[in-house]
């Protein structure tokens, strides 16, 4: 809703903490940069402060300023939680009664980490009142596109499609983490060239599957020494034991075989994700890597992996040695 007057109360809600916090920062910045600004800004934990205490703070006349800003986190979730009972109901009713009558100098910001329903009474009040404002901050459906737009808008730098997809695969819908990684990548390339997939691989703490992609790339191109180095890096990962790593490698080669069979029977690279039920970025990598293997090679590799797996589980071979022998045999 477009408000003709400056709002006196705001409801910012949703899981996108990055954009939500940026909206709060704009309100902070609007308070000015002099020493009096801090004297007129208060923050409360909604699980601790009472509604009466919050209202008293935001309606107190500002000191040497024309505004008073009060920021409250998770108050509505606390008041509507299971078990809040009569106290929570009374708190909501108090807010519904008082918020439309806040003084013009008041700026009350209610921050909720979860997305609120359109039917929430306070959300409806904020959207219908000329003094209220409500906005939901939800994570974008296209994280890759968001990363590319963010890189251009905030850092004036390009990030190519594969690099953005790789970063999105690692960070998921955590936009704060994605932005933190963008800052590191921007500094890494010194703003002098576009960010590439190699930059992301070098700088971003990839999930184990991503390093397995790199290891298989090395195996497929006969770079045995590099493949062993990547294997040992994976083995050094925190909480990464040889058995679970071996299972991930088996899964990866099984997916490679399925991708290869899909492509050799008329499927397109773009349809691999749907056919295998996986996300677009790993599907793209599988389609690329499958070109370097034949169906027969992948079947032979899988038989070898399953043989090592049986020997490991029956104690006939040390797991770390089995991994080294496997990589050495494939990279010959």
Protein backbone atom coordinates (compact mmCIF):
# COMPACT_ATOMS: atom_id res chain seq x y z
CA UNK A 1 0.00 0.00 0.00
CA UNK A 2 1.25 3.49 -0.79
CA UNK A 3 1.11 5.73 2.27
CA UNK A 4 0.62 9.48 1.84
CA UNK A 5 2.00 10.23 5.33
CA UNK A 6 5.24 9.06 6.90
CA UNK A 7 4.50 5.84 8.82
CA UNK A 8 4.80 5.83 12.60
CA UNK A 9 4.86 2.03 12.83
CA UNK A 10 6.37 -0.63 10.58
CA UNK A 11 6.13 -4.41 10.42
CA UNK A 12 9.08 -6.04 8.63
CA UNK A 13 8.71 -9.81 8.45
CA UNK A 14 10.17 -12.78 6.58
CA UNK A 15 13.22 -15.00 6.30
CA UNK A 16 15.29 -12.68 4.09
CA UNK A 17 17.31 -11.14 6.93
CA UNK A 18 19.72 -9.37 4.57
CA UNK A 19 17.17 -7.17 2.78
CA UNK A 20 15.11 -6.81 5.95
CA UNK A 21 18.11 -5.50 7.90
CA UNK A 22 18.95 -3.10 5.07
CA UNK A 23 15.43 -1.63 5.35
CA UNK A 24 15.94 -1.15 9.10
CA UNK A 25 19.31 0.50 8.45
CA UNK A 26 17.64 3.08 6.19
CA UNK A 27 15.37 4.06 9.07
CA UNK A 28 18.39 4.28 11.35
CA UNK A 29 20.22 6.47 8.85
CA UNK A 30 17.19 8.75 8.60
CA UNK A 31 17.68 9.58 12.28
CA UNK A 32 20.81 11.53 11.36
CA UNK A 33 24.46 11.10 12.16
CA UNK A 34 24.95 13.46 15.11
CA UNK A 35 25.37 12.45 18.74
CA UNK A 36 21.70 13.08 19.51
CA UNK A 37 20.59 10.32 17.13
CA UNK A 38 21.75 7.49 19.41
CA UNK A 39 19.93 9.10 22.34
CA UNK A 40 16.67 8.67 20.41
CA UNK A 41 17.13 5.07 19.23
CA UNK A 42 16.13 2.14 21.44
CA UNK A 43 16.16 -1.60 20.77
CA UNK A 44 14.15 -4.28 22.55
CA UNK A 45 13.97 -8.06 22.61
CA UNK A 46 10.27 -8.84 22.14
CA UNK A 47 10.60 -11.95 24.32
CA UNK A 48 11.71 -9.84 27.28
CA UNK A 49 10.17 -6.36 27.02
CA UNK A 50 6.48 -5.80 27.70
CA UNK A 51 4.17 -4.05 25.25
CA UNK A 52 3.67 -1.26 27.79
CA UNK A 53 7.43 -0.72 28.06
CA UNK A 54 7.81 -0.56 24.28
CA UNK A 55 4.92 1.86 23.82
CA UNK A 56 6.27 4.07 26.61
CA UNK A 57 9.66 4.20 24.87
CA UNK A 58 8.31 5.09 21.42
CA UNK A 59 5.90 7.74 22.72
CA UNK A 60 8.49 9.48 24.90
CA UNK A 61 9.24 12.89 23.44
CA UNK A 62 12.55 12.86 21.50
CA UNK A 63 15.58 14.61 22.97
CA UNK A 64 16.91 17.41 20.74
CA UNK A 65 15.46 15.67 17.69
CA UNK A 66 12.22 15.45 15.73
CA UNK A 67 11.98 11.63 15.79
CA UNK A 68 12.26 8.68 18.16
CA UNK A 69 13.06 5.24 16.75
CA UNK A 70 12.28 2.02 18.60
CA UNK A 71 13.26 -1.36 17.09
CA UNK A 72 11.70 -4.54 18.50
CA UNK A 73 12.57 -8.09 17.44
CA UNK A 74 10.17 -11.07 17.54
CA UNK A 75 7.49 -9.43 19.68
CA UNK A 76 4.56 -10.68 17.62
CA UNK A 77 5.88 -14.26 17.49
CA UNK A 78 6.25 -14.17 21.28
CA UNK A 79 2.77 -12.78 21.90
CA UNK A 80 1.13 -15.33 19.58
CA UNK A 81 3.20 -18.35 20.60
CA UNK A 82 1.56 -21.47 21.95
CA UNK A 83 1.09 -20.93 25.64
CA UNK A 84 1.07 -17.13 25.52
CA UNK A 85 -2.50 -17.27 26.77
CA UNK A 86 -4.31 -14.21 28.08
CA UNK A 87 -1.09 -12.18 28.39
CA UNK A 88 -0.35 -12.59 24.69
CA UNK A 89 -3.91 -11.83 23.67
CA UNK A 90 -3.94 -8.69 25.82
CA UNK A 91 -0.61 -7.57 24.29
CA UNK A 92 -1.96 -7.90 20.75
CA UNK A 93 -5.13 -6.01 21.68
CA UNK A 94 -3.05 -3.24 23.24
CA UNK A 95 -1.01 -2.90 20.04
CA UNK A 96 -4.12 -2.83 17.86
CA UNK A 97 -5.50 -0.03 19.99
CA UNK A 98 -2.37 2.10 20.39
CA UNK A 99 -0.48 1.81 17.08
CA UNK A 100 -2.88 3.97 15.01
CA UNK A 101 -2.57 6.76 17.61
CA UNK A 102 1.23 6.99 17.88
CA UNK A 103 2.60 10.55 17.79
CA UNK A 104 3.98 11.87 14.50
CA UNK A 105 7.51 11.74 15.88
CA UNK A 106 7.27 7.99 16.65
CA UNK A 107 8.97 5.33 14.53
CA UNK A 108 8.20 1.86 15.86
CA UNK A 109 9.71 -1.03 13.87
CA UNK A 110 8.48 -4.55 14.65
CA UNK A 111 10.83 -7.15 13.15
CA UNK A 112 9.69 -10.75 12.75
CA UNK A 113 11.97 -13.49 11.44
CA UNK A 114 9.08 -15.59 10.13
CA UNK A 115 6.69 -14.58 7.36
CA UNK A 116 3.39 -13.40 8.80
CA UNK A 117 0.01 -14.29 7.33
CA UNK A 118 -1.93 -11.72 5.31
CA UNK A 119 -4.76 -12.43 7.74
CA UNK A 120 -2.70 -11.36 10.75
CA UNK A 121 -4.62 -8.53 12.43
CA UNK A 122 -1.54 -6.35 12.94
CA UNK A 123 -0.43 -6.86 9.34
CA UNK A 124 -3.89 -5.85 8.17
CA UNK A 125 -3.77 -2.80 10.45
CA UNK A 126 -0.38 -1.74 9.09
CA UNK A 127 -1.60 -2.09 5.51
CA UNK A 128 -4.87 -0.24 6.05
CA UNK A 129 -3.76 2.54 8.37
CA UNK A 130 -2.30 5.74 6.85
CA UNK A 131 0.29 5.65 9.63
CA UNK A 132 1.33 2.02 9.13
CA UNK A 133 3.55 0.08 6.78
CA UNK A 134 4.03 -3.68 6.38
CA UNK A 135 6.48 -5.52 4.15
CA UNK A 136 7.38 -9.18 3.81
CA UNK A 137 10.97 -10.09 3.02
CA UNK A 138 11.05 -13.55 1.46
CA UNK A 139 14.02 -15.27 -0.14
CA UNK A 140 13.95 -15.10 -3.97
CA UNK A 141 13.02 -18.23 -5.92
CA UNK A 142 15.93 -17.64 -8.33
CA UNK A 143 19.00 -17.40 -6.08
CA UNK A 144 21.33 -17.42 -9.09
CA UNK A 145 19.63 -14.40 -10.62
CA UNK A 146 19.59 -12.63 -7.26
CA UNK A 147 23.35 -13.14 -6.87
CA UNK A 148 24.03 -11.71 -10.33
CA UNK A 149 21.81 -8.68 -9.71
CA UNK A 150 23.34 -8.12 -6.26
CA UNK A 151 26.87 -8.27 -7.64
CA UNK A 152 26.05 -5.64 -10.25
CA UNK A 153 23.92 -3.34 -8.08
CA UNK A 154 25.98 -3.37 -4.87
CA UNK A 155 29.53 -4.02 -6.07
CA UNK A 156 29.43 -2.98 -9.74
CA UNK A 157 30.94 -6.26 -10.84
CA UNK A 158 29.85 -9.09 -13.14
CA UNK A 159 29.62 -12.71 -12.02
CA UNK A 160 29.18 -15.24 -14.81
CA UNK A 161 26.26 -17.68 -14.87
CA UNK A 162 28.21 -20.76 -13.80
CA UNK A 163 29.88 -18.90 -10.94
CA UNK A 164 26.56 -17.52 -9.70
CA UNK A 165 24.96 -20.96 -9.94
CA UNK A 166 27.85 -22.52 -8.02
CA UNK A 167 27.58 -19.90 -5.28
CA UNK A 168 23.79 -20.33 -5.10
CA UNK A 169 24.25 -24.09 -4.74
CA UNK A 170 26.48 -23.54 -1.70
CA UNK A 171 24.57 -20.76 0.03
CA UNK A 172 21.00 -21.84 -0.77
CA UNK A 173 18.44 -19.26 0.37
CA UNK A 174 20.80 -17.71 2.94
CA UNK A 175 21.20 -14.33 1.24
CA UNK A 176 23.35 -12.95 4.05
CA UNK A 177 25.89 -15.71 3.47
CA UNK A 178 25.68 -15.22 -0.29
CA UNK A 179 26.38 -11.52 0.13
CA UNK A 180 29.32 -12.22 2.47
CA UNK A 181 30.81 -14.54 -0.15
CA UNK A 182 30.27 -11.88 -2.83
CA UNK A 183 32.26 -9.39 -0.75
CA UNK A 184 35.15 -11.86 -0.51
CA UNK A 185 35.00 -12.61 -4.22
CA UNK A 186 34.86 -8.91 -5.11
CA UNK A 187 38.00 -8.27 -3.06
CA UNK A 188 39.67 -11.35 -4.54
CA UNK A 189 39.31 -10.14 -8.13
CA UNK A 190 39.92 -6.54 -6.97
CA UNK A 191 36.97 -5.40 -9.08
CA UNK A 192 39.11 -5.75 -12.20
CA UNK A 193 37.35 -8.65 -13.95
CA UNK A 194 34.19 -10.75 -13.76
CA UNK A 195 33.96 -13.41 -11.04
CA UNK A 196 34.33 -16.92 -12.48
CA UNK A 197 33.42 -20.40 -11.32
CA UNK A 198 37.11 -21.01 -10.59
CA UNK A 199 37.10 -18.02 -8.22
CA UNK A 200 34.11 -19.44 -6.38
CA UNK A 201 35.80 -22.84 -6.10
CA UNK A 202 39.01 -21.23 -4.80
CA UNK A 203 37.43 -18.96 -2.22
CA UNK A 204 34.08 -20.32 -1.15
CA UNK A 205 33.87 -23.10 1.44
CA UNK A 206 32.22 -25.57 -0.92
CA UNK A 207 30.07 -28.37 0.37
CA UNK A 208 31.79 -31.78 -0.09
CA UNK A 209 29.82 -32.59 -3.26
CA UNK A 210 31.35 -29.58 -5.01
CA UNK A 211 34.89 -30.78 -4.32
CA UNK A 212 33.85 -34.21 -5.57
CA UNK A 213 32.89 -32.54 -8.87
CA UNK A 214 36.40 -31.08 -9.04
CA UNK A 215 38.00 -34.42 -8.18
CA UNK A 216 36.03 -36.22 -10.90
CA UNK A 217 37.03 -33.49 -13.36
CA UNK A 218 40.67 -34.26 -12.52
CA UNK A 219 40.09 -38.02 -12.85
CA UNK A 220 38.37 -37.62 -16.21
CA UNK A 221 41.28 -35.63 -17.64
CA UNK A 222 44.05 -37.86 -16.30
CA UNK A 223 45.27 -35.45 -13.61
CA UNK A 224 45.83 -38.14 -11.00
CA UNK A 225 48.00 -36.09 -8.65
CA UNK A 226 45.46 -33.27 -8.49
CA UNK A 227 42.67 -35.79 -7.96
CA UNK A 228 44.55 -37.25 -4.99
CA UNK A 229 45.10 -33.77 -3.54
CA UNK A 230 41.38 -33.03 -3.82
CA UNK A 231 40.58 -36.41 -2.25
CA UNK A 232 42.84 -35.69 0.72
CA UNK A 233 41.27 -32.25 1.08
CA UNK A 234 37.86 -33.92 1.24
CA UNK A 235 39.15 -36.44 3.80
CA UNK A 236 40.41 -33.56 5.94
CA UNK A 237 36.97 -31.92 6.02
CA UNK A 238 35.51 -31.61 9.50
CA UNK A 239 33.26 -34.57 10.39
CA UNK A 240 34.04 -36.19 7.03
CA UNK A 241 34.92 -39.90 7.51
CA UNK A 242 36.08 -42.26 4.79
CA UNK A 243 32.88 -44.32 4.76
CA UNK A 244 30.55 -41.37 4.20
CA UNK A 245 32.94 -39.91 1.61
CA UNK A 246 33.03 -43.23 -0.23
CA UNK A 247 29.23 -43.26 -0.24
CA UNK A 248 29.19 -39.77 -1.78
CA UNK A 249 31.63 -40.83 -4.51
CA UNK A 250 29.51 -43.90 -5.31
CA UNK A 251 26.41 -41.71 -5.52
CA UNK A 252 28.19 -39.28 -7.81
CA UNK A 253 29.30 -41.94 -10.27
CA UNK A 254 25.84 -43.52 -10.19
CA UNK A 255 24.38 -40.13 -11.13
CA UNK A 256 27.01 -39.78 -13.84
CA UNK A 257 25.96 -43.13 -15.30
CA UNK A 258 22.27 -42.14 -15.19
CA UNK A 259 23.06 -38.81 -16.83
CA UNK A 260 25.14 -40.52 -19.52
CA UNK A 261 22.37 -43.03 -20.26
CA UNK A 262 19.82 -40.19 -20.39
CA UNK A 263 21.92 -38.24 -22.88
CA UNK A 264 22.80 -41.23 -25.07
CA UNK A 265 19.13 -42.17 -25.40
CA UNK A 266 18.08 -38.79 -26.77
CA UNK A 267 17.81 -36.65 -23.65
CA UNK A 268 19.13 -33.08 -23.69
CA UNK A 269 21.57 -31.53 -21.17
CA UNK A 270 18.82 -29.17 -20.08
CA UNK A 271 16.53 -32.05 -19.13
CA UNK A 272 19.02 -33.88 -16.89
CA UNK A 273 17.83 -32.10 -13.73
CA UNK A 274 14.23 -33.16 -14.25
CA UNK A 275 15.11 -36.70 -15.31
CA UNK A 276 17.35 -37.30 -12.27
CA UNK A 277 15.36 -35.20 -9.79
CA UNK A 278 18.28 -32.97 -8.83
CA UNK A 279 19.01 -29.24 -8.85
CA UNK A 280 20.09 -27.44 -12.06
CA UNK A 281 23.72 -26.70 -11.10
CA UNK A 282 24.81 -30.29 -10.28
CA UNK A 283 22.79 -31.48 -13.28
CA UNK A 284 24.76 -29.11 -15.50
CA UNK A 285 28.05 -30.42 -14.06
CA UNK A 286 26.96 -34.03 -14.57
CA UNK A 287 26.05 -33.36 -18.19
CA UNK A 288 29.48 -31.83 -18.79
CA UNK A 289 31.45 -34.57 -17.01
CA UNK A 290 29.54 -37.42 -18.62
CA UNK A 291 31.00 -36.44 -22.00
CA UNK A 292 34.44 -37.66 -20.91
CA UNK A 293 33.23 -41.15 -19.94
CA UNK A 294 31.57 -43.94 -21.89
CA UNK A 295 28.72 -45.97 -20.42
CA UNK A 296 31.07 -48.97 -20.21
CA UNK A 297 33.71 -46.97 -18.29
CA UNK A 298 31.17 -45.71 -15.78
CA UNK A 299 29.76 -49.22 -15.27
CA UNK A 300 33.30 -50.54 -14.69
CA UNK A 301 34.07 -47.73 -12.22
CA UNK A 302 30.88 -48.43 -10.28
CA UNK A 303 31.69 -52.17 -10.06
CA UNK A 304 35.13 -51.24 -8.73
CA UNK A 305 33.64 -48.88 -6.17
CA UNK A 306 31.16 -51.49 -4.95
CA UNK A 307 33.99 -54.03 -4.66
CA UNK A 308 36.03 -51.62 -2.52
CA UNK A 309 32.92 -50.85 -0.48
CA UNK A 310 32.44 -54.54 0.41
CA UNK A 311 36.13 -54.93 1.31
CA UNK A 312 36.00 -51.82 3.52
CA UNK A 313 32.88 -52.96 5.38
CA UNK A 314 34.27 -56.47 5.95
CA UNK A 315 37.60 -55.15 7.23
CA UNK A 316 39.64 -56.53 4.32
CA UNK A 317 41.07 -53.10 3.42
CA UNK A 318 41.71 -49.84 5.23
CA UNK A 319 39.14 -47.20 4.09
CA UNK A 320 41.74 -44.48 3.49
CA UNK A 321 43.86 -46.88 1.44
CA UNK A 322 40.80 -47.95 -0.56
CA UNK A 323 40.10 -44.34 -1.52
CA UNK A 324 43.71 -43.76 -2.61
CA UNK A 325 43.77 -46.99 -4.64
CA UNK A 326 40.50 -46.15 -6.34
CA UNK A 327 41.62 -42.68 -7.41
CA UNK A 328 44.97 -44.06 -8.62
CA UNK A 329 43.29 -46.80 -10.68
CA UNK A 330 40.79 -44.48 -12.40
CA UNK A 331 43.35 -41.78 -13.21
CA UNK A 332 45.73 -44.14 -15.01
